[in-house]
Protein backbone atom coordinates (compact mmCIF):
# COMPACT_ATOMS: atom_id res chain seq x y z
CA MET A 1 96.70 117.09 145.80
CA ILE A 2 95.37 113.83 144.06
CA TRP A 3 93.64 112.86 147.31
CA ASP A 4 91.41 115.99 147.06
CA GLU A 5 90.30 114.95 143.60
CA VAL A 6 89.71 111.27 144.79
CA LEU A 7 87.78 112.46 147.83
CA LEU A 8 85.32 114.45 145.76
CA THR A 9 84.71 111.59 143.34
CA ILE A 10 84.23 109.11 146.28
CA LYS A 11 81.79 111.57 147.94
CA ASP A 12 79.43 111.29 145.06
CA LYS A 13 79.40 107.40 145.07
CA ILE A 14 78.52 106.67 148.70
CA SER A 15 76.01 108.13 151.30
CA PRO A 16 76.66 111.30 153.29
CA TYR A 17 76.60 109.29 156.47
CA GLU A 18 79.26 106.88 155.37
CA PHE A 19 81.48 109.54 154.01
CA ASP A 20 81.20 111.64 157.20
CA THR A 21 81.55 108.58 159.55
CA TYR A 22 84.56 106.99 157.81
CA ILE A 23 86.01 108.51 154.65
CA SER A 24 86.37 111.93 155.91
CA LEU A 25 88.69 110.67 158.81
CA MET A 26 91.21 109.38 156.42
CA LYS A 27 94.52 111.42 156.33
CA TYR A 28 96.63 111.12 153.20
CA ASP A 29 100.29 110.50 153.99
CA GLU A 30 101.89 112.16 151.04
CA ASN A 31 105.38 111.53 152.18
CA ALA A 32 104.87 107.75 152.46
CA SER A 33 102.70 107.49 149.32
CA ARG A 34 104.16 106.67 145.77
CA SER A 35 102.80 106.69 142.29
CA ASN A 36 101.36 103.21 142.82
CA LEU A 37 100.83 103.26 146.49
CA ALA A 38 98.48 105.41 148.57
CA VAL A 39 99.14 105.52 152.42
CA PHE A 40 96.46 106.71 154.80
CA ILE A 41 96.40 107.34 158.61
CA VAL A 42 93.05 106.81 160.48
CA PRO A 43 92.38 107.66 164.14
CA ASN A 44 91.48 104.22 165.47
CA PRO A 45 91.36 100.32 164.87
CA TYR A 46 87.63 100.40 164.40
CA ILE A 47 87.71 102.99 161.57
CA GLU A 48 90.78 101.26 160.02
CA LYS A 49 88.99 97.73 159.98
CA TRP A 50 85.85 99.11 158.65
CA ILE A 51 87.49 101.17 155.76
CA LYS A 52 89.65 98.18 154.85
CA THR A 53 86.56 95.87 154.75
CA LYS A 54 84.19 98.08 152.96
CA TYR A 55 85.98 100.73 150.85
CA THR A 56 89.57 99.64 149.98
CA GLN A 57 88.42 98.57 146.42
CA THR A 58 86.39 101.79 145.81
CA ILE A 59 89.23 103.97 146.93
CA ALA A 60 91.80 101.97 144.59
CA ASP A 61 89.47 102.15 141.71
CA THR A 62 89.05 105.90 142.09
CA PHE A 63 92.83 106.48 142.35
CA GLU A 64 93.25 104.49 139.03
CA LEU A 65 90.52 106.53 137.38
CA HIS A 66 92.29 109.84 138.25
CA THR A 67 96.05 108.61 137.91
CA LYS A 68 95.71 105.89 135.12
CA THR A 69 97.84 103.68 137.43
CA LYS A 70 96.89 100.64 139.65
CA THR A 71 97.24 101.84 143.17
CA GLU A 72 97.57 99.74 146.24
CA ILE A 73 95.88 101.18 149.46
CA LYS A 74 97.57 101.03 152.64
CA ILE A 75 95.75 102.19 155.81
CA SER A 76 97.01 102.18 159.47
CA VAL A 77 96.17 103.60 162.87
CA ALA A 78 97.68 106.93 163.81
CA LYS A 79 100.49 106.82 166.53
CA ASP A 80 102.15 109.58 168.28
CA LYS A 81 104.29 111.76 166.03
CA GLN A 82 107.73 110.45 167.26
CA ASN A 83 106.66 106.88 166.68
CA VAL A 84 105.22 107.67 163.30
CA LYS A 85 108.60 109.34 162.35
CA ASN A 86 110.62 106.44 163.54
CA SER A 87 108.30 103.88 162.01
CA ARG A 88 108.54 105.81 158.56
CA GLN A 89 112.40 105.90 158.91
CA LYS A 90 112.45 102.09 159.56
CA VAL A 91 110.27 101.48 156.69
CA GLN A 92 112.40 103.59 154.39
CA ARG A 93 115.59 101.90 155.72
CA HIS A 94 114.48 98.21 155.63
CA GLN A 95 111.58 97.80 153.26
CA ASN A 96 111.63 98.07 149.42
CA PRO A 97 109.28 98.20 147.62
CA SER A 98 106.33 97.20 149.70
CA LEU A 99 105.18 98.27 153.19
CA LEU A 100 104.78 95.53 155.83
CA ASN A 101 101.53 95.58 157.94
CA SER A 102 103.19 96.49 161.27
CA GLN A 103 100.08 95.43 163.13
CA GLN A 104 100.21 91.73 162.11
CA THR A 105 102.72 90.26 164.40
CA PHE A 106 103.24 86.93 166.22
CA ASP A 107 101.48 88.40 169.38
CA ASN A 108 98.21 88.72 167.59
CA PHE A 109 98.41 85.60 165.42
CA VAL A 110 95.75 83.14 166.90
CA GLU A 111 97.46 79.81 167.30
CA GLY A 112 95.61 76.49 166.84
CA GLY A 113 96.15 72.93 165.85
CA SER A 114 95.62 73.82 162.20
CA ASN A 115 98.42 76.26 162.16
CA LYS A 116 100.71 75.35 165.01
CA SER A 117 103.65 73.79 162.94
CA ALA A 118 103.60 76.77 160.57
CA LEU A 119 103.75 79.19 163.52
CA ILE A 120 106.80 77.40 165.00
CA ILE A 121 108.66 77.56 161.72
CA ALA A 122 107.88 81.24 161.20
CA LYS A 123 109.09 82.16 164.63
CA SER A 124 112.21 80.03 164.07
CA VAL A 125 113.33 81.76 160.79
CA ALA A 126 112.31 85.14 162.19
CA GLU A 127 114.77 84.71 165.05
CA HIS A 128 117.44 82.69 163.24
CA GLN A 129 118.03 83.78 159.63
CA ALA A 130 118.69 81.03 157.15
CA LYS A 131 120.02 78.75 159.94
CA LEU A 132 117.25 76.28 160.61
CA TYR A 133 114.90 76.36 157.50
CA ASN A 134 115.64 77.94 154.13
CA PRO A 135 113.69 78.37 151.96
CA VAL A 136 110.30 78.04 153.69
CA LEU A 137 107.14 77.67 151.74
CA LEU A 138 103.88 78.20 153.66
CA TYR A 139 100.81 76.85 151.63
CA GLY A 140 97.15 76.58 152.16
CA HIS A 141 93.70 78.03 151.09
CA THR A 142 93.04 81.72 150.83
CA GLY A 143 92.53 83.62 154.04
CA LEU A 144 94.19 81.24 156.50
CA GLY A 145 96.95 83.37 157.98
CA LYS A 146 99.78 82.88 155.46
CA THR A 147 100.38 86.62 154.74
CA HIS A 148 99.96 87.39 158.53
CA LEU A 149 102.93 85.04 159.23
CA LEU A 150 104.94 86.74 156.47
CA TYR A 151 104.29 90.11 157.98
CA ALA A 152 105.22 88.73 161.56
CA ILE A 153 108.40 87.13 160.30
CA GLY A 154 109.27 90.51 158.52
CA ASN A 155 108.33 92.83 161.67
CA THR A 156 110.45 90.56 163.92
CA ALA A 157 113.36 90.60 161.61
CA ILE A 158 113.25 94.36 161.35
CA GLU A 159 113.26 94.71 165.19
CA HIS A 160 116.64 92.80 164.92
CA ASN A 161 117.92 95.35 162.36
CA LYS A 162 117.66 93.09 159.42
CA LYS A 163 116.95 94.37 155.95
CA VAL A 164 113.55 92.94 154.82
CA VAL A 165 111.77 92.96 151.46
CA TYR A 166 108.18 91.88 151.34
CA ILE A 167 106.38 91.70 148.01
CA THR A 168 103.62 89.98 146.39
CA THR A 169 104.41 87.92 143.01
CA GLU A 170 102.27 90.29 141.08
CA GLU A 171 104.16 93.36 142.40
CA PHE A 172 107.55 91.53 141.58
CA MET A 173 106.40 90.98 138.08
CA ASN A 174 105.15 94.57 137.67
CA GLU A 175 108.52 95.83 138.97
CA TRP A 176 110.47 93.40 136.66
CA GLN A 177 108.54 94.60 133.70
CA LYS A 178 108.99 98.31 134.47
CA HIS A 179 112.73 98.07 134.93
CA ILE A 180 113.07 96.05 131.65
CA ARG A 181 111.19 98.84 129.80
CA GLN A 182 113.49 101.44 131.48
CA GLY A 183 116.60 99.62 131.12
CA THR A 184 117.52 99.54 134.73
CA MET A 185 117.66 95.90 135.63
CA ASP A 186 120.76 96.48 137.70
CA THR A 187 118.58 98.49 140.10
CA PHE A 188 115.90 95.79 140.20
CA ARG A 189 118.40 93.17 141.11
CA ASP A 190 120.00 95.39 143.79
CA ASN A 191 116.76 95.83 145.34
CA TYR A 192 115.96 92.09 145.58
CA ARG A 193 119.32 90.49 146.12
CA ASN A 194 120.73 92.70 148.69
CA CYS A 195 118.39 92.15 151.70
CA ASP A 196 118.53 89.68 154.59
CA TYR A 197 115.04 88.49 154.18
CA LEU A 198 112.86 88.14 151.04
CA LEU A 199 109.29 87.46 151.72
CA ILE A 200 107.09 86.81 148.69
CA ASP A 201 103.51 86.11 148.59
CA ASP A 202 101.46 83.86 146.23
CA VAL A 203 104.17 82.23 144.24
CA GLN A 204 101.65 80.09 142.49
CA PHE A 205 101.25 83.18 140.11
CA PHE A 206 104.62 82.32 138.70
CA SER A 207 102.73 79.67 136.73
CA GLY A 208 103.43 79.91 132.99
CA LYS A 209 105.67 83.02 133.12
CA GLY A 210 108.96 81.86 131.66
CA GLY A 211 110.98 84.94 131.70
CA LEU A 212 109.85 86.02 135.16
CA GLN A 213 110.48 82.56 136.45
CA GLU A 214 114.12 82.91 135.20
CA GLU A 215 114.54 86.18 136.93
CA PHE A 216 113.25 84.80 140.27
CA PHE A 217 115.22 81.60 139.96
CA ASN A 218 118.56 83.79 139.71
CA THR A 219 117.44 86.07 142.52
CA PHE A 220 116.54 82.91 144.57
CA GLU A 221 120.04 81.47 143.71
CA ALA A 222 121.91 84.64 144.71
CA LEU A 223 120.11 85.04 148.15
CA TYR A 224 120.40 81.29 148.85
CA LYS A 225 124.16 81.15 148.21
CA SER A 226 124.61 84.37 150.44
CA GLN A 227 122.75 82.57 153.36
CA LYS A 228 119.74 85.00 153.10
CA GLN A 229 116.31 83.97 154.29
CA ILE A 230 113.56 83.23 151.76
CA VAL A 231 110.00 82.73 152.85
CA MET A 232 107.30 82.22 150.28
CA THR A 233 103.53 81.50 150.49
CA SER A 234 101.31 79.64 147.94
CA ASP A 235 97.70 78.53 147.78
CA LYS A 236 99.01 75.09 146.58
CA LEU A 237 101.93 72.73 146.68
CA PRO A 238 104.70 73.28 143.90
CA LYS A 239 103.77 70.09 142.15
CA GLN A 240 100.20 71.31 141.84
CA ILE A 241 101.36 74.61 140.10
CA GLN A 242 101.02 74.04 136.43
CA GLY A 243 103.40 75.81 134.29
CA LEU A 244 106.09 76.02 136.94
CA GLU A 245 109.65 75.12 135.67
CA GLU A 246 111.18 72.22 136.94
CA ARG A 247 114.30 73.86 138.31
CA LEU A 248 112.18 76.47 140.22
CA ARG A 249 109.88 73.54 141.67
CA SER A 250 112.95 71.78 142.87
CA ARG A 251 114.12 74.93 144.88
CA PHE A 252 110.61 75.41 146.35
CA GLU A 253 110.49 71.70 147.38
CA GLY A 254 114.20 71.82 148.68
CA GLY A 255 113.41 73.54 151.86
CA MET A 256 110.73 73.35 154.44
CA MET A 257 107.22 73.12 153.26
CA MET A 258 104.37 73.40 155.67
CA GLY A 259 100.66 73.48 155.22
CA ILE A 260 98.12 75.61 157.06
CA GLU A 261 94.72 73.91 157.40
CA PRO A 262 91.39 75.65 157.95
CA PRO A 263 90.92 76.38 161.62
CA GLU A 264 88.89 74.09 163.82
CA ILE A 265 85.99 75.35 165.87
CA GLU A 266 88.15 76.00 168.99
CA THR A 267 90.63 78.13 166.94
CA LYS A 268 87.75 80.01 165.30
CA ILE A 269 86.43 80.91 168.80
CA ARG A 270 89.75 82.26 169.66
CA ILE A 271 90.07 84.11 166.53
CA ILE A 272 86.70 85.70 167.16
CA GLU A 273 87.66 86.73 170.67
CA GLN A 274 90.95 88.18 169.26
CA LYS A 275 89.04 90.26 166.77
CA CYS A 276 86.79 91.47 169.53
CA ARG A 277 89.78 92.47 171.73
CA ASP A 278 91.46 94.29 168.77
CA ASN A 279 88.30 96.26 168.21
CA GLN A 280 87.35 96.74 171.72
CA ILE A 281 83.93 94.66 171.27
CA ASN A 282 82.30 93.08 174.28
CA MET A 283 80.53 90.04 172.97
CA GLU A 284 79.01 87.21 175.18
CA LYS A 285 80.44 83.65 174.88
CA ASP A 286 77.24 82.21 173.55
CA ILE A 287 77.23 84.61 170.64
CA ILE A 288 80.96 83.95 169.82
CA ASN A 289 80.26 80.20 170.01
CA PHE A 290 77.26 80.58 167.60
CA LEU A 291 79.38 82.55 165.10
CA ALA A 292 82.04 80.01 165.23
CA GLU A 293 79.81 77.19 164.40
CA ASN A 294 78.08 79.10 161.48
CA ILE A 295 80.78 80.86 159.59
CA ASN A 296 83.37 79.21 157.30
CA GLU A 297 87.06 78.73 157.94
CA ASN A 298 88.14 81.95 156.11
CA VAL A 299 89.88 84.19 158.83
CA ARG A 300 89.28 87.35 156.79
CA GLN A 301 85.59 86.56 156.46
CA ILE A 302 85.34 86.00 160.34
CA GLU A 303 86.83 89.41 160.76
CA SER A 304 84.36 91.04 158.41
CA ILE A 305 81.50 89.46 160.10
CA VAL A 306 82.72 90.59 163.55
CA LEU A 307 82.87 94.07 162.17
CA LYS A 308 79.52 94.24 160.64
CA LEU A 309 77.88 92.79 163.76
CA ASN A 310 79.63 95.46 165.80
CA PHE A 311 78.29 98.17 163.27
CA HIS A 312 74.67 97.01 163.64
CA HIS A 313 75.22 97.16 167.41
CA SER A 314 76.58 100.58 167.28
CA VAL A 315 73.80 101.93 164.93
CA THR A 316 70.81 100.32 166.60
CA ASN A 317 72.01 100.62 170.18
CA GLN A 318 70.82 96.98 170.60
CA ALA A 319 72.72 94.40 172.72
CA PHE A 320 74.48 91.76 170.79
CA SER A 321 72.24 88.72 170.54
CA ILE A 322 71.93 85.43 168.69
CA ALA A 323 69.09 86.78 166.69
CA MET A 324 71.29 89.82 165.58
CA ALA A 325 74.12 87.41 164.66
CA LYS A 326 71.65 85.31 162.48
CA ASN A 327 70.49 88.40 160.70
CA VAL A 328 74.09 89.63 160.01
CA LEU A 329 75.01 86.21 158.64
CA LYS A 330 71.96 86.01 156.44
CA GLU A 331 72.71 89.55 155.20
CA ILE A 332 76.29 88.69 154.34
CA GLN A 333 75.27 85.49 152.70
CA LYS A 334 72.74 87.30 150.66
CA GLU A 335 75.27 90.00 149.54
CA SER A 336 77.84 87.24 148.86
CA ASN A 337 75.54 85.31 146.57
CA GLU A 338 74.37 88.38 144.71
CA GLU A 339 77.79 89.50 143.91
CA ILE A 340 79.05 86.04 142.55
CA SER A 341 78.25 85.93 138.83
CA LEU A 342 78.63 82.83 136.60
CA GLU A 343 81.28 84.77 134.72
CA LYS A 344 83.37 85.32 137.78
CA ILE A 345 83.02 81.46 138.62
CA ILE A 346 84.05 80.43 135.08
CA GLU A 347 87.01 82.66 135.24
CA ALA A 348 88.23 81.36 138.52
CA VAL A 349 87.68 77.74 137.60
CA ALA A 350 89.51 78.29 134.19
CA LYS A 351 92.51 79.76 135.86
CA GLU A 352 92.75 77.02 138.46
CA CYS A 353 92.17 74.14 136.09
CA ASN A 354 94.50 75.75 133.36
CA VAL A 355 91.81 75.75 130.56
CA LYS A 356 90.38 78.65 128.68
CA PRO A 357 86.85 80.18 129.74
CA SER A 358 85.67 79.51 126.03
CA GLU A 359 86.43 75.91 126.35
CA ILE A 360 84.29 75.58 129.53
CA ILE A 361 81.10 76.95 127.71
CA SER A 362 81.98 74.83 124.54
CA LYS A 363 80.74 71.41 123.83
CA SER A 364 84.43 69.84 124.20
CA ARG A 365 84.41 66.31 125.79
CA ILE A 366 88.06 66.44 126.75
CA SER A 367 88.11 65.12 130.32
CA LYS A 368 89.89 68.02 132.03
CA ILE A 369 87.47 70.51 130.27
CA VAL A 370 84.36 68.40 131.37
CA GLN A 371 85.66 68.36 134.96
CA ALA A 372 86.03 72.13 134.88
CA ARG A 373 82.54 72.45 133.45
CA HIS A 374 81.12 70.37 136.23
CA LEU A 375 83.04 72.30 138.92
CA VAL A 376 81.52 75.54 137.38
CA ILE A 377 78.09 73.93 137.83
CA TYR A 378 78.83 72.72 141.40
CA LEU A 379 80.07 76.27 142.54
CA THR A 380 77.19 78.08 140.75
CA ARG A 381 74.65 75.93 142.54
CA THR A 382 76.33 76.22 145.90
CA LEU A 383 77.68 79.96 145.82
CA SER A 384 75.37 81.99 143.51
CA ASN A 385 71.80 83.03 143.19
CA ILE A 386 71.29 81.28 139.77
CA ASP A 387 69.00 78.77 140.73
CA SER A 388 67.44 77.99 137.32
CA MET A 389 69.15 74.94 135.93
CA GLY A 390 67.45 75.86 132.33
CA ILE A 391 69.34 79.18 132.45
CA LEU A 392 72.52 77.46 133.51
CA ALA A 393 72.37 74.93 130.79
CA GLN A 394 71.70 77.56 128.27
CA LYS A 395 74.75 79.67 129.33
CA LEU A 396 77.17 76.60 129.41
CA ASN A 397 75.76 75.24 125.94
CA MET A 398 74.42 72.01 127.59
CA LYS A 399 71.31 70.23 126.50
CA ASP A 400 68.82 71.11 129.21
CA HIS A 401 68.23 71.23 132.94
CA SER A 402 68.48 67.41 133.23
CA ALA A 403 72.13 67.47 131.83
CA ILE A 404 72.84 70.09 134.66
CA SER A 405 71.20 67.97 137.33
CA LYS A 406 73.18 64.88 136.14
CA ALA A 407 76.41 66.69 135.98
CA PHE A 408 75.76 68.28 139.49
CA THR A 409 75.22 64.80 140.95
CA GLN A 410 78.32 63.45 139.38
CA ILE A 411 80.74 66.06 140.53
CA VAL A 412 79.26 65.99 144.17
CA LYS A 413 80.01 62.22 144.33
CA LYS A 414 83.62 62.70 142.94
CA ILE A 415 84.23 65.42 145.43
CA GLU A 416 83.15 63.21 148.23
CA GLN A 417 85.51 60.36 147.03
CA ASP A 418 88.56 62.40 145.76
CA GLU A 419 90.50 64.16 148.28
CA GLN A 420 92.45 66.07 146.00
CA LEU A 421 89.37 67.32 144.09
CA LYS A 422 87.84 68.18 147.36
CA ARG A 423 90.74 70.37 148.31
CA LEU A 424 90.64 71.98 144.85
CA THR A 425 87.04 72.74 145.33
CA GLN A 426 87.46 74.31 148.85
CA ASN A 427 90.35 76.42 147.40
CA LEU A 428 88.15 77.52 144.49
CA LYS A 429 85.36 78.50 146.98
CA ALA A 430 87.75 80.41 149.33
CA LYS A 431 89.18 82.45 146.30
CA ILE A 432 85.76 83.38 144.85
CA GLN A 433 84.21 84.33 148.17
CA ASN A 434 87.47 86.13 149.23
CA GLU A 435 87.14 88.68 146.42
CA LYS A 436 84.46 90.52 148.31
CA THR A 437 85.99 90.44 151.88
CA LEU A 438 89.46 91.83 150.87
């Protein structure tokens, strides 16, 4: 079995303690797995959250090493045998090709002023297919709960015996390309046009993909005319997605578009309290308040910090304290900064600003390239451990450290004055930092 081979490879990569404590408890579900999907069952929510936070990428990379196929990793908590059987039958009956996360529901979505309207709309379409709002586009920065709402809509619709398809734009593209190669486009279209709900994540990645946009436009039209529900997520508004065809932009904007803002401190407190309940963690209110005041708005990062704090508590047998919370926050910040390279920042900015990485490090004075270069300087100074302006100048082909300093001052001022640029910068920060917490 492929998992046995993967297991041996992972065992050589991590410490014996980590392997015995976490990885060895994973059970490979061969029946639910596919060539590009590995499904695992673990004994409890704590193990599930910890593995998802720390090891998902390692497991995925190791599968790809052995199978030569990019593999998605799904991890869930064991249920009793009958429930597992019923759940698997329901998945096979209603979901194709991706699995919904059954643990992300409306019941455990933390409501706040920043997401209340989006939650109301999501609940409405989950209960009333294509009657109130269709299509729906939920937009906002990475890690604010858009995908959680998609899962919640799907799980509610399944309870009402609706056929649900959840998929990311990347998966949709991969499936489309595979069926084109195999000459089985009729099967592909049947998969996506014969459902009650199509839930599609990250539609901003349709940008610049003409053939894929045409296929999705035709799928969209078929579903819409049949009064099927379409719900999408994006990290930006359709008008901000460069390379999106006008007819598709028009369809996206023709329904209900609702933004999700970063959570205010009261919502962050409730999110931390919810994560503590989910993982059976008892934490004093003053520590929860401290965490809410000192961590950013990314919900996934909030969860990661709560889990890491609980890990320190479990290993050291020390009570939760402000001092422990401070140490964990410093540790995570250090890890985060060490992992963020200049190359990663350049790649993220180039993609977001629709320029080439080579243009950013060139001497071009075209305004959008200059702004992208200045954004790289700002993000490098605020997110990474590269503190030498001389080194940064050398890598960006700029004159010297004074040129870097001047550019940094200019972009800081622009960000303060331009709300759209401020949102762009916040989105870039969230994307770059999220690569380590997913």
